[in-house]
């Protein structure tokens, strides 16, 4: 689980990222990124009910992606808000494939140190 200060929670913050953020896509995983001018980066994970009806599966993938981001926090530049948008095509991928996808998105967003 991400530390509390690295979680994006407020509705206004979500709106800002959705409205003004840059989008990066890779194999069913999208990343919306926006600078936040804070000394740390914050992230949220969204898996719409429209994509997958079963909450167990949605939550499982959100936890997996969250853990991958948590493990890479030391390598992520501070000062960004990010929202990971997950899709149904991620179902069936293992942890190493998910880790590769997340790292590719972070590299293409240029927020890895």
PDB file of N, CA and C in Angstrom:
ATOM      1  N   UNK A   1       0.834  -1.176   0.000  1.00  0.00           N
ATOM      2  CA  UNK A   1       0.000   0.000   0.000  1.00  0.00           C
ATOM      3  C   UNK A   1       0.885   1.247   0.000  1.00  0.00           C
ATOM      4  N   UNK A   2       0.467   2.219  -0.760  1.00  0.00           N
ATOM      5  CA  UNK A   2       1.213   3.469  -0.825  1.00  0.00           C
ATOM      6  C   UNK A   2       1.145   4.211   0.510  1.00  0.00           C
ATOM      7  N   UNK A   3       2.219   4.910   0.876  1.00  0.00           N
ATOM      8  CA  UNK A   3       2.147   5.770   2.059  1.00  0.00           C
ATOM      9  C   UNK A   3       1.062   6.832   1.876  1.00  0.00           C
ATOM     10  N   UNK A   4       0.533   7.307   2.974  1.00  0.00           N
ATOM     11  CA  UNK A   4      -0.610   8.214   2.945  1.00  0.00           C
ATOM     12  C   UNK A   4      -0.347   9.482   2.116  1.00  0.00           C
ATOM     13  N   UNK A   5       0.849  10.063   2.254  1.00  0.00           N
ATOM     14  CA  UNK A   5       1.111  11.309   1.520  1.00  0.00           C
ATOM     15  C   UNK A   5       1.333  11.074   0.028  1.00  0.00           C
ATOM     16  N   UNK A   6       1.452   9.815  -0.403  1.00  0.00           N
ATOM     17  CA  UNK A   6       1.629   9.511  -1.819  1.00  0.00           C
ATOM     18  C   UNK A   6       0.344   9.065  -2.496  1.00  0.00           C
ATOM     19  N   UNK A   7      -0.783   9.240  -1.818  1.00  0.00           N
ATOM     20  CA  UNK A   7      -2.077   8.875  -2.389  1.00  0.00           C
ATOM     21  C   UNK A   7      -2.825  10.119  -2.836  1.00  0.00           C
ATOM     22  N   UNK A   8      -3.375  10.058  -4.016  1.00  0.00           N
ATOM     23  CA  UNK A   8      -4.202  11.131  -4.554  1.00  0.00           C
ATOM     24  C   UNK A   8      -5.636  10.845  -4.125  1.00  0.00           C
ATOM     25  N   UNK A   9      -6.248  11.758  -3.358  1.00  0.00           N
ATOM     26  CA  UNK A   9      -7.551  11.463  -2.781  1.00  0.00           C
ATOM     27  C   UNK A   9      -8.644  12.479  -3.107  1.00  0.00           C
ATOM     28  N   UNK A  10      -8.300  13.736  -3.136  1.00  0.00           N
ATOM     29  CA  UNK A  10      -9.324  14.776  -3.221  1.00  0.00           C
ATOM     30  C   UNK A  10      -9.927  14.878  -4.618  1.00  0.00           C
ATOM     31  N   UNK A  11     -11.213  15.116  -4.633  1.00  0.00           N
ATOM     32  CA  UNK A  11     -11.967  15.214  -5.878  1.00  0.00           C
ATOM     33  C   UNK A  11     -11.416  16.306  -6.793  1.00  0.00           C
ATOM     34  N   UNK A  12     -11.056  17.443  -6.230  1.00  0.00           N
ATOM     35  CA  UNK A  12     -10.513  18.545  -7.042  1.00  0.00           C
ATOM     36  C   UNK A  12      -9.184  18.171  -7.684  1.00  0.00           C
ATOM     37  N   UNK A  13      -8.371  17.407  -6.957  1.00  0.00           N
ATOM     38  CA  UNK A  13      -7.094  16.954  -7.522  1.00  0.00           C
ATOM     39  C   UNK A  13      -7.328  16.013  -8.695  1.00  0.00           C
ATOM     40  N   UNK A  14      -8.311  15.107  -8.543  1.00  0.00           N
ATOM     41  CA  UNK A  14      -8.663  14.205  -9.645  1.00  0.00           C
ATOM     42  C   UNK A  14      -9.127  15.017 -10.858  1.00  0.00           C
ATOM     43  N   UNK A  15      -9.993  16.004 -10.629  1.00  0.00           N
ATOM     44  CA  UNK A  15     -10.499  16.824 -11.733  1.00  0.00           C
ATOM     45  C   UNK A  15      -9.373  17.532 -12.471  1.00  0.00           C
ATOM     46  N   UNK A  16      -8.423  18.084 -11.725  1.00  0.00           N
ATOM     47  CA  UNK A  16      -7.288  18.771 -12.352  1.00  0.00           C
ATOM     48  C   UNK A  16      -6.498  17.826 -13.238  1.00  0.00           C
ATOM     49  N   UNK A  17      -6.211  16.643 -12.714  1.00  0.00           N
ATOM     50  CA  UNK A  17      -5.406  15.681 -13.484  1.00  0.00           C
ATOM     51  C   UNK A  17      -6.167  15.236 -14.726  1.00  0.00           C
ATOM     52  N   UNK A  18      -7.464  14.938 -14.584  1.00  0.00           N
ATOM     53  CA  UNK A  18      -8.253  14.526 -15.750  1.00  0.00           C
ATOM     54  C   UNK A  18      -8.334  15.645 -16.792  1.00  0.00           C
ATOM     55  N   UNK A  19      -8.453  16.880 -16.331  1.00  0.00           N
ATOM     56  CA  UNK A  19      -8.646  17.998 -17.254  1.00  0.00           C
ATOM     57  C   UNK A  19      -7.346  18.434 -17.922  1.00  0.00           C
ATOM     58  N   UNK A  20      -6.267  18.542 -17.143  1.00  0.00           N
ATOM     59  CA  UNK A  20      -5.038  19.137 -17.671  1.00  0.00           C
ATOM     60  C   UNK A  20      -3.863  18.172 -17.796  1.00  0.00           C
ATOM     61  N   UNK A  21      -4.047  16.924 -17.362  1.00  0.00           N
ATOM     62  CA  UNK A  21      -2.932  15.979 -17.368  1.00  0.00           C
ATOM     63  C   UNK A  21      -2.585  15.459 -18.753  1.00  0.00           C
ATOM     64  N   UNK A  22      -1.330  15.038 -18.890  1.00  0.00           N
ATOM     65  CA  UNK A  22      -0.879  14.398 -20.125  1.00  0.00           C
ATOM     66  C   UNK A  22      -1.158  12.907 -20.016  1.00  0.00           C
ATOM     67  N   UNK A  23      -1.574  12.269 -21.114  1.00  0.00           N
ATOM     68  CA  UNK A  23      -1.953  10.858 -21.100  1.00  0.00           C
ATOM     69  C   UNK A  23      -0.908  10.023 -21.834  1.00  0.00           C
ATOM     70  N   UNK A  24      -0.561   8.910 -21.199  1.00  0.00           N
ATOM     71  CA  UNK A  24       0.352   7.937 -21.787  1.00  0.00           C
ATOM     72  C   UNK A  24      -0.341   6.580 -21.724  1.00  0.00           C
ATOM     73  N   UNK A  25      -0.284   5.811 -22.839  1.00  0.00           N
ATOM     74  CA  UNK A  25      -0.964   4.514 -22.905  1.00  0.00           C
ATOM     75  C   UNK A  25       0.006   3.425 -23.300  1.00  0.00           C
ATOM     76  N   UNK A  26      -0.259   2.225 -22.738  1.00  0.00           N
ATOM     77  CA  UNK A  26       0.539   1.057 -23.092  1.00  0.00           C
ATOM     78  C   UNK A  26      -0.260  -0.192 -22.740  1.00  0.00           C
ATOM     79  N   UNK A  27      -0.698  -0.959 -23.717  1.00  0.00           N
ATOM     80  CA  UNK A  27      -1.328  -2.272 -23.531  1.00  0.00           C
ATOM     81  C   UNK A  27      -2.390  -2.331 -22.432  1.00  0.00           C
ATOM     82  N   UNK A  28      -3.392  -1.495 -22.497  1.00  0.00           N
ATOM     83  CA  UNK A  28      -4.494  -1.569 -21.548  1.00  0.00           C
ATOM     84  C   UNK A  28      -4.264  -0.806 -20.257  1.00  0.00           C
ATOM     85  N   UNK A  29      -3.142  -0.128 -20.157  1.00  0.00           N
ATOM     86  CA  UNK A  29      -2.835   0.659 -18.965  1.00  0.00           C
ATOM     87  C   UNK A  29      -2.560   2.084 -19.417  1.00  0.00           C
ATOM     88  N   UNK A  30      -3.228   3.044 -18.797  1.00  0.00           N
ATOM     89  CA  UNK A  30      -3.023   4.452 -19.126  1.00  0.00           C
ATOM     90  C   UNK A  30      -2.537   5.186 -17.893  1.00  0.00           C
ATOM     91  N   UNK A  31      -1.789   6.243 -18.117  1.00  0.00           N
ATOM     92  CA  UNK A  31      -1.297   7.079 -17.033  1.00  0.00           C
ATOM     93  C   UNK A  31      -1.572   8.527 -17.384  1.00  0.00           C
ATOM     94  N   UNK A  32      -2.286   9.204 -16.507  1.00  0.00           N
ATOM     95  CA  UNK A  32      -2.495  10.643 -16.625  1.00  0.00           C
ATOM     96  C   UNK A  32      -1.553  11.304 -15.633  1.00  0.00           C
ATOM     97  N   UNK A  33      -0.752  12.261 -16.084  1.00  0.00           N
ATOM     98  CA  UNK A  33       0.270  12.876 -15.239  1.00  0.00           C
ATOM     99  C   UNK A  33       0.138  14.391 -15.283  1.00  0.00           C
ATOM    100  N   UNK A  34       0.312  15.025 -14.123  1.00  0.00           N
ATOM    101  CA  UNK A  34       0.258  16.479 -14.015  1.00  0.00           C
ATOM    102  C   UNK A  34       1.202  16.906 -12.897  1.00  0.00           C
ATOM    103  N   UNK A  35       1.937  18.002 -13.116  1.00  0.00           N
ATOM    104  CA  UNK A  35       2.817  18.517 -12.062  1.00  0.00           C
ATOM    105  C   UNK A  35       1.980  19.093 -10.934  1.00  0.00           C
ATOM    106  N   UNK A  36       2.446  18.897  -9.675  1.00  0.00           N
ATOM    107  CA  UNK A  36       1.689  19.390  -8.533  1.00  0.00           C
ATOM    108  C   UNK A  36       2.463  20.354  -7.635  1.00  0.00           C
ATOM    109  N   UNK A  37       3.751  20.577  -7.906  1.00  0.00           N
ATOM    110  CA  UNK A  37       4.585  21.501  -7.140  1.00  0.00           C
ATOM    111  C   UNK A  37       4.645  21.157  -5.655  1.00  0.00           C
ATOM    112  N   UNK A  38       4.562  19.893  -5.316  1.00  0.00           N
ATOM    113  CA  UNK A  38       4.723  19.415  -3.943  1.00  0.00           C
ATOM    114  C   UNK A  38       6.045  18.664  -3.840  1.00  0.00           C
ATOM    115  N   UNK A  39       6.575  18.471  -2.630  1.00  0.00           N
ATOM    116  CA  UNK A  39       7.854  17.756  -2.497  1.00  0.00           C
ATOM    117  C   UNK A  39       7.727  16.238  -2.624  1.00  0.00           C
ATOM    118  N   UNK A  40       6.569  15.753  -3.053  1.00  0.00           N
ATOM    119  CA  UNK A  40       6.365  14.319  -3.234  1.00  0.00           C
ATOM    120  C   UNK A  40       5.367  14.107  -4.364  1.00  0.00           C
ATOM    121  N   UNK A  41       5.325  12.901  -4.885  1.00  0.00           N
ATOM    122  CA  UNK A  41       4.381  12.561  -5.955  1.00  0.00           C
ATOM    123  C   UNK A  41       3.225  11.769  -5.369  1.00  0.00           C
ATOM    124  N   UNK A  42       2.039  11.956  -5.963  1.00  0.00           N
ATOM    125  CA  UNK A  42       0.845  11.261  -5.489  1.00  0.00           C
ATOM    126  C   UNK A  42       0.228  10.484  -6.646  1.00  0.00           C
ATOM    127  N   UNK A  43      -0.355   9.315  -6.311  1.00  0.00           N
ATOM    128  CA  UNK A  43      -0.930   8.463  -7.342  1.00  0.00           C
ATOM    129  C   UNK A  43      -2.283   7.917  -6.912  1.00  0.00           C
ATOM    130  N   UNK A  44      -3.108   7.622  -7.909  1.00  0.00           N
ATOM    131  CA  UNK A  44      -4.401   6.969  -7.710  1.00  0.00           C
ATOM    132  C   UNK A  44      -4.535   5.895  -8.777  1.00  0.00           C
ATOM    133  N   UNK A  45      -5.413   4.925  -8.515  1.00  0.00           N
ATOM    134  CA  UNK A  45      -5.587   3.783  -9.412  1.00  0.00           C
ATOM    135  C   UNK A  45      -7.076   3.599  -9.655  1.00  0.00           C
ATOM    136  N   UNK A  46      -7.471   3.621 -10.928  1.00  0.00           N
ATOM    137  CA  UNK A  46      -8.886   3.569 -11.286  1.00  0.00           C
ATOM    138  C   UNK A  46      -9.110   2.400 -12.237  1.00  0.00           C
ATOM    139  N   UNK A  47     -10.068   1.549 -11.880  1.00  0.00           N
ATOM    140  CA  UNK A  47     -10.475   0.425 -12.718  1.00  0.00           C
ATOM    141  C   UNK A  47     -11.996   0.498 -12.798  1.00  0.00           C
ATOM    142  N   UNK A  48     -12.542   1.095 -13.859  1.00  0.00           N
ATOM    143  CA  UNK A  48     -13.989   1.339 -13.941  1.00  0.00           C
ATOM    144  C   UNK A  48     -14.815   0.058 -13.884  1.00  0.00           C
ATOM    145  N   UNK A  49     -15.958   0.160 -13.251  1.00  0.00           N
ATOM    146  CA  UNK A  49     -16.884  -0.959 -13.157  1.00  0.00           C
ATOM    147  C   UNK A  49     -17.372  -1.369 -14.543  1.00  0.00           C
ATOM    148  N   UNK A  50     -17.372  -0.414 -15.450  1.00  0.00           N
ATOM    149  CA  UNK A  50     -17.774  -0.681 -16.834  1.00  0.00           C
ATOM    150  C   UNK A  50     -16.836  -1.707 -17.485  1.00  0.00           C
ATOM    151  N   UNK A  51     -15.569  -1.677 -17.103  1.00  0.00           N
ATOM    152  CA  UNK A  51     -14.567  -2.589 -17.663  1.00  0.00           C
ATOM    153  C   UNK A  51     -14.669  -3.993 -17.068  1.00  0.00           C
ATOM    154  N   UNK A  52     -14.878  -4.063 -15.753  1.00  0.00           N
ATOM    155  CA  UNK A  52     -14.934  -5.364 -15.055  1.00  0.00           C
ATOM    156  C   UNK A  52     -15.968  -5.279 -13.942  1.00  0.00           C
ATOM    157  N   UNK A  53     -16.956  -6.130 -13.993  1.00  0.00           N
ATOM    158  CA  UNK A  53     -18.055  -6.083 -13.027  1.00  0.00           C
ATOM    159  C   UNK A  53     -17.643  -6.579 -11.640  1.00  0.00           C
ATOM    160  N   UNK A  54     -16.728  -7.529 -11.580  1.00  0.00           N
ATOM    161  CA  UNK A  54     -16.370  -8.133 -10.301  1.00  0.00           C
ATOM    162  C   UNK A  54     -15.369  -7.269  -9.532  1.00  0.00           C
ATOM    163  N   UNK A  55     -15.799  -6.820  -8.352  1.00  0.00           N
ATOM    164  CA  UNK A  55     -14.977  -5.956  -7.518  1.00  0.00           C
ATOM    165  C   UNK A  55     -13.688  -6.649  -7.083  1.00  0.00           C
ATOM    166  N   UNK A  56     -13.737  -7.956  -6.893  1.00  0.00           N
ATOM    167  CA  UNK A  56     -12.555  -8.705  -6.471  1.00  0.00           C
ATOM    168  C   UNK A  56     -11.439  -8.561  -7.497  1.00  0.00           C
ATOM    169  N   UNK A  57     -11.772  -8.714  -8.766  1.00  0.00           N
ATOM    170  CA  UNK A  57     -10.765  -8.592  -9.824  1.00  0.00           C
ATOM    171  C   UNK A  57     -10.266  -7.156  -9.951  1.00  0.00           C
ATOM    172  N   UNK A  58     -11.196  -6.186  -9.889  1.00  0.00           N
ATOM    173  CA  UNK A  58     -10.790  -4.774  -9.981  1.00  0.00           C
ATOM    174  C   UNK A  58      -9.818  -4.426  -8.851  1.00  0.00           C
ATOM    175  N   UNK A  59     -10.167  -4.811  -7.643  1.00  0.00           N
ATOM    176  CA  UNK A  59      -9.328  -4.476  -6.489  1.00  0.00           C
ATOM    177  C   UNK A  59      -7.987  -5.192  -6.526  1.00  0.00           C
ATOM    178  N   UNK A  60      -7.981  -6.409  -7.031  1.00  0.00           N
ATOM    179  CA  UNK A  60      -6.729  -7.161  -7.130  1.00  0.00           C
ATOM    180  C   UNK A  60      -5.731  -6.421  -8.021  1.00  0.00           C
ATOM    181  N   UNK A  61      -6.189  -5.971  -9.176  1.00  0.00           N
ATOM    182  CA  UNK A  61      -5.277  -5.286 -10.094  1.00  0.00           C
ATOM    183  C   UNK A  61      -4.883  -3.909  -9.581  1.00  0.00           C
ATOM    184  N   UNK A  62      -5.795  -3.240  -8.902  1.00  0.00           N
ATOM    185  CA  UNK A  62      -5.429  -1.949  -8.309  1.00  0.00           C
ATOM    186  C   UNK A  62      -4.357  -2.141  -7.241  1.00  0.00           C
ATOM    187  N   UNK A  63      -4.476  -3.206  -6.439  1.00  0.00           N
ATOM    188  CA  UNK A  63      -3.467  -3.488  -5.406  1.00  0.00           C
ATOM    189  C   UNK A  63      -2.123  -3.850  -6.041  1.00  0.00           C
ATOM    190  N   UNK A  64      -2.154  -4.629  -7.113  1.00  0.00           N
ATOM    191  CA  UNK A  64      -0.908  -5.020  -7.776  1.00  0.00           C
ATOM    192  C   UNK A  64      -0.183  -3.805  -8.353  1.00  0.00           C
ATOM    193  N   UNK A  65      -0.913  -2.959  -9.059  1.00  0.00           N
ATOM    194  CA  UNK A  65      -0.286  -1.768  -9.651  1.00  0.00           C
ATOM    195  C   UNK A  65       0.195  -0.829  -8.549  1.00  0.00           C
ATOM    196  N   UNK A  66      -0.590  -0.698  -7.493  1.00  0.00           N
ATOM    197  CA  UNK A  66      -0.204   0.147  -6.362  1.00  0.00           C
ATOM    198  C   UNK A  66       1.101  -0.341  -5.730  1.00  0.00           C
ATOM    199  N   UNK A  67       1.240  -1.630  -5.577  1.00  0.00           N
ATOM    200  CA  UNK A  67       2.454  -2.197  -4.984  1.00  0.00           C
ATOM    201  C   UNK A  67       3.658  -1.964  -5.885  1.00  0.00           C
ATOM    202  N   UNK A  68       3.480  -2.072  -7.186  1.00  0.00           N
ATOM    203  CA  UNK A  68       4.576  -1.811  -8.125  1.00  0.00           C
ATOM    204  C   UNK A  68       5.020  -0.356  -8.028  1.00  0.00           C
ATOM    205  N   UNK A  69       4.063   0.559  -7.956  1.00  0.00           N
ATOM    206  CA  UNK A  69       4.405   1.984  -7.831  1.00  0.00           C
ATOM    207  C   UNK A  69       5.097   2.236  -6.494  1.00  0.00           C
ATOM    208  N   UNK A  70       4.588   1.626  -5.414  1.00  0.00           N
ATOM    209  CA  UNK A  70       5.206   1.800  -4.095  1.00  0.00           C
ATOM    210  C   UNK A  70       6.656   1.341  -4.095  1.00  0.00           C
ATOM    211  N   UNK A  71       6.931   0.219  -4.749  1.00  0.00           N
ATOM    212  CA  UNK A  71       8.291  -0.304  -4.811  1.00  0.00           C
ATOM    213  C   UNK A  71       9.216   0.616  -5.611  1.00  0.00           C
ATOM    214  N   UNK A  72       8.650   1.383  -6.537  1.00  0.00           N
ATOM    215  CA  UNK A  72       9.452   2.282  -7.380  1.00  0.00           C
ATOM    216  C   UNK A  72       9.418   3.734  -6.921  1.00  0.00           C
ATOM    217  N   UNK A  73       8.799   4.036  -5.789  1.00  0.00           N
ATOM    218  CA  UNK A  73       8.678   5.425  -5.338  1.00  0.00           C
ATOM    219  C   UNK A  73      10.016   6.126  -5.210  1.00  0.00           C
ATOM    220  N   UNK A  74      11.035   5.410  -4.778  1.00  0.00           N
ATOM    221  CA  UNK A  74      12.349   6.033  -4.610  1.00  0.00           C
ATOM    222  C   UNK A  74      12.946   6.484  -5.938  1.00  0.00           C
ATOM    223  N   UNK A  75      12.477   5.913  -7.042  1.00  0.00           N
ATOM    224  CA  UNK A  75      13.003   6.267  -8.358  1.00  0.00           C
ATOM    225  C   UNK A  75      12.121   7.275  -9.097  1.00  0.00           C
ATOM    226  N   UNK A  76      10.965   7.617  -8.531  1.00  0.00           N
ATOM    227  CA  UNK A  76      10.024   8.536  -9.177  1.00  0.00           C
ATOM    228  C   UNK A  76      10.322   9.958  -8.720  1.00  0.00           C
ATOM    229  N   UNK A  77      10.399  10.865  -9.678  1.00  0.00           N
ATOM    230  CA  UNK A  77      10.661  12.267  -9.360  1.00  0.00           C
ATOM    231  C   UNK A  77       9.526  12.835  -8.521  1.00  0.00           C
ATOM    232  N   UNK A  78       9.834  13.695  -7.558  1.00  0.00           N
ATOM    233  CA  UNK A  78       8.778  14.329  -6.758  1.00  0.00           C
ATOM    234  C   UNK A  78       8.090  15.440  -7.552  1.00  0.00           C
ATOM    235  N   UNK A  79       6.868  15.761  -7.139  1.00  0.00           N
ATOM    236  CA  UNK A  79       6.170  16.892  -7.740  1.00  0.00           C
ATOM    237  C   UNK A  79       5.192  16.530  -8.843  1.00  0.00           C
ATOM    238  N   UNK A  80       4.646  15.310  -8.821  1.00  0.00           N
ATOM    239  CA  UNK A  80       3.693  14.901  -9.852  1.00  0.00           C
ATOM    240  C   UNK A  80       2.470  14.243  -9.234  1.00  0.00           C
ATOM    241  N   UNK A  81       1.327  14.450  -9.866  1.00  0.00           N
ATOM    242  CA  UNK A  81       0.105  13.716  -9.559  1.00  0.00           C
ATOM    243  C   UNK A  81      -0.146  12.778 -10.727  1.00  0.00           C
ATOM    244  N   UNK A  82      -0.478  11.536 -10.426  1.00  0.00           N
ATOM    245  CA  UNK A  82      -0.711  10.569 -11.491  1.00  0.00           C
ATOM    246  C   UNK A  82      -1.916   9.697 -11.207  1.00  0.00           C
ATOM    247  N   UNK A  83      -2.646   9.386 -12.263  1.00  0.00           N
ATOM    248  CA  UNK A  83      -3.777   8.472 -12.165  1.00  0.00           C
ATOM    249  C   UNK A  83      -3.538   7.344 -13.153  1.00  0.00           C
ATOM    250  N   UNK A  84      -3.496   6.121 -12.641  1.00  0.00           N
ATOM    251  CA  UNK A  84      -3.378   4.944 -13.494  1.00  0.00           C
ATOM    252  C   UNK A  84      -4.786   4.463 -13.811  1.00  0.00           C
ATOM    253  N   UNK A  85      -5.107   4.368 -15.104  1.00  0.00           N
ATOM    254  CA  UNK A  85      -6.402   3.872 -15.563  1.00  0.00           C
ATOM    255  C   UNK A  85      -6.196   2.460 -16.092  1.00  0.00           C
ATOM    256  N   UNK A  86      -6.844   1.506 -15.446  1.00  0.00           N
ATOM    257  CA  UNK A  86      -6.676   0.108 -15.801  1.00  0.00           C
ATOM    258  C   UNK A  86      -7.827  -0.342 -16.681  1.00  0.00           C
ATOM    259  N   UNK A  87      -7.579  -1.346 -17.512  1.00  0.00           N
ATOM    260  CA  UNK A  87      -8.642  -1.866 -18.368  1.00  0.00           C
ATOM    261  C   UNK A  87      -8.684  -3.390 -18.284  1.00  0.00           C
ATOM    262  N   UNK A  88      -9.710  -3.942 -18.869  1.00  0.00           N
ATOM    263  CA  UNK A  88      -9.959  -5.386 -18.813  1.00  0.00           C
ATOM    264  C   UNK A  88      -8.840  -6.200 -19.453  1.00  0.00           C
ATOM    265  N   UNK A  89      -8.116  -5.622 -20.374  1.00  0.00           N
ATOM    266  CA  UNK A  89      -7.064  -6.364 -21.068  1.00  0.00           C
ATOM    267  C   UNK A  89      -5.892  -6.728 -20.142  1.00  0.00           C
ATOM    268  N   UNK A  90      -5.852  -6.157 -18.935  1.00  0.00           N
ATOM    269  CA  UNK A  90      -4.791  -6.504 -17.984  1.00  0.00           C
ATOM    270  C   UNK A  90      -5.032  -7.841 -17.312  1.00  0.00           C
ATOM    271  N   UNK A  91      -6.274  -8.309 -17.342  1.00  0.00           N
ATOM    272  CA  UNK A  91      -6.595  -9.578 -16.701  1.00  0.00           C
ATOM    273  C   UNK A  91      -5.854 -10.692 -17.433  1.00  0.00           C
ATOM    274  N   UNK A  92      -5.149 -11.491 -16.679  1.00  0.00           N
ATOM    275  CA  UNK A  92      -4.364 -12.577 -17.261  1.00  0.00           C
ATOM    276  C   UNK A  92      -2.877 -12.267 -17.316  1.00  0.00           C
ATOM    277  N   UNK A  93      -2.492 -11.036 -17.074  1.00  0.00           N
ATOM    278  CA  UNK A  93      -1.066 -10.683 -17.069  1.00  0.00           C
ATOM    279  C   UNK A  93      -0.499 -10.970 -15.682  1.00  0.00           C
ATOM    280  N   UNK A  94       0.743 -11.435 -15.649  1.00  0.00           N
ATOM    281  CA  UNK A  94       1.380 -11.716 -14.364  1.00  0.00           C
ATOM    282  C   UNK A  94       2.098 -10.474 -13.835  1.00  0.00           C
ATOM    283  N   UNK A  95       2.669 -10.601 -12.629  1.00  0.00           N
ATOM    284  CA  UNK A  95       3.298  -9.444 -11.985  1.00  0.00           C
ATOM    285  C   UNK A  95       4.464  -8.876 -12.783  1.00  0.00           C
ATOM    286  N   UNK A  96       5.262  -9.717 -13.393  1.00  0.00           N
ATOM    287  CA  UNK A  96       6.412  -9.203 -14.142  1.00  0.00           C
ATOM    288  C   UNK A  96       5.960  -8.418 -15.369  1.00  0.00           C
ATOM    289  N   UNK A  97       4.890  -8.865 -16.021  1.00  0.00           N
ATOM    290  CA  UNK A  97       4.359  -8.120 -17.171  1.00  0.00           C
ATOM    291  C   UNK A  97       3.770  -6.779 -16.720  1.00  0.00           C
ATOM    292  N   UNK A  98       3.054  -6.789 -15.597  1.00  0.00           N
ATOM    293  CA  UNK A  98       2.497  -5.540 -15.073  1.00  0.00           C
ATOM    294  C   UNK A  98       3.611  -4.580 -14.659  1.00  0.00           C
ATOM    295  N   UNK A  99       4.650  -5.123 -14.030  1.00  0.00           N
ATOM    296  CA  UNK A  99       5.791  -4.304 -13.628  1.00  0.00           C
ATOM    297  C   UNK A  99       6.441  -3.651 -14.841  1.00  0.00           C
ATOM    298  N   UNK A 100       6.619  -4.417 -15.921  1.00  0.00           N
ATOM    299  CA  UNK A 100       7.193  -3.887 -17.148  1.00  0.00           C
ATOM    300  C   UNK A 100       6.325  -2.762 -17.722  1.00  0.00           C
ATOM    301  N   UNK A 101       5.003  -2.972 -17.756  1.00  0.00           N
ATOM    302  CA  UNK A 101       4.089  -1.947 -18.284  1.00  0.00           C
ATOM    303  C   UNK A 101       4.154  -0.656 -17.483  1.00  0.00           C
ATOM    304  N   UNK A 102       4.131  -0.783 -16.157  1.00  0.00           N
ATOM    305  CA  UNK A 102       4.186   0.411 -15.299  1.00  0.00           C
ATOM    306  C   UNK A 102       5.494   1.153 -15.519  1.00  0.00           C
ATOM    307  N   UNK A 103       6.602   0.431 -15.549  1.00  0.00           N
ATOM    308  CA  UNK A 103       7.901   1.075 -15.761  1.00  0.00           C
ATOM    309  C   UNK A 103       7.980   1.752 -17.120  1.00  0.00           C
ATOM    310  N   UNK A 104       7.426   1.126 -18.159  1.00  0.00           N
ATOM    311  CA  UNK A 104       7.422   1.741 -19.485  1.00  0.00           C
ATOM    312  C   UNK A 104       6.617   3.042 -19.488  1.00  0.00           C
ATOM    313  N   UNK A 105       5.480   3.038 -18.795  1.00  0.00           N
ATOM    314  CA  UNK A 105       4.671   4.259 -18.720  1.00  0.00           C
ATOM    315  C   UNK A 105       5.415   5.364 -17.960  1.00  0.00           C
ATOM    316  N   UNK A 106       6.042   5.005 -16.857  1.00  0.00           N
ATOM    317  CA  UNK A 106       6.778   6.007 -16.079  1.00  0.00           C
ATOM    318  C   UNK A 106       7.962   6.560 -16.874  1.00  0.00           C
ATOM    319  N   UNK A 107       8.611   5.721 -17.654  1.00  0.00           N
ATOM    320  CA  UNK A 107       9.727   6.178 -18.500  1.00  0.00           C
ATOM    321  C   UNK A 107       9.211   7.104 -19.595  1.00  0.00           C
ATOM    322  N   UNK A 108       8.102   6.726 -20.261  1.00  0.00           N
ATOM    323  CA  UNK A 108       7.590   7.573 -21.328  1.00  0.00           C
ATOM    324  C   UNK A 108       7.039   8.896 -20.789  1.00  0.00           C
ATOM    325  N   UNK A 109       6.584   8.911 -19.534  1.00  0.00           N
ATOM    326  CA  UNK A 109       6.133  10.164 -18.909  1.00  0.00           C
ATOM    327  C   UNK A 109       7.303  10.993 -18.404  1.00  0.00           C
ATOM    328  N   UNK A 110       8.502  10.420 -18.429  1.00  0.00           N
ATOM    329  CA  UNK A 110       9.736  11.086 -18.008  1.00  0.00           C
ATOM    330  C   UNK A 110       9.678  11.523 -16.537  1.00  0.00           C
ATOM    331  N   UNK A 111       9.155  10.626 -15.695  1.00  0.00           N
ATOM    332  CA  UNK A 111       9.136  10.963 -14.265  1.00  0.00           C
ATOM    333  C   UNK A 111      10.000  10.005 -13.448  1.00  0.00           C
ATOM    334  N   UNK A 112      10.751   9.135 -14.088  1.00  0.00           N
ATOM    335  CA  UNK A 112      11.716   8.305 -13.362  1.00  0.00           C
ATOM    336  C   UNK A 112      13.045   9.044 -13.271  1.00  0.00           C
ATOM    337  N   UNK A 113      13.701   8.918 -12.130  1.00  0.00           N
ATOM    338  CA  UNK A 113      15.004   9.575 -11.933  1.00  0.00           C
ATOM    339  C   UNK A 113      16.061   8.881 -12.762  1.00  0.00           C
TER     340      UNK A 113
END
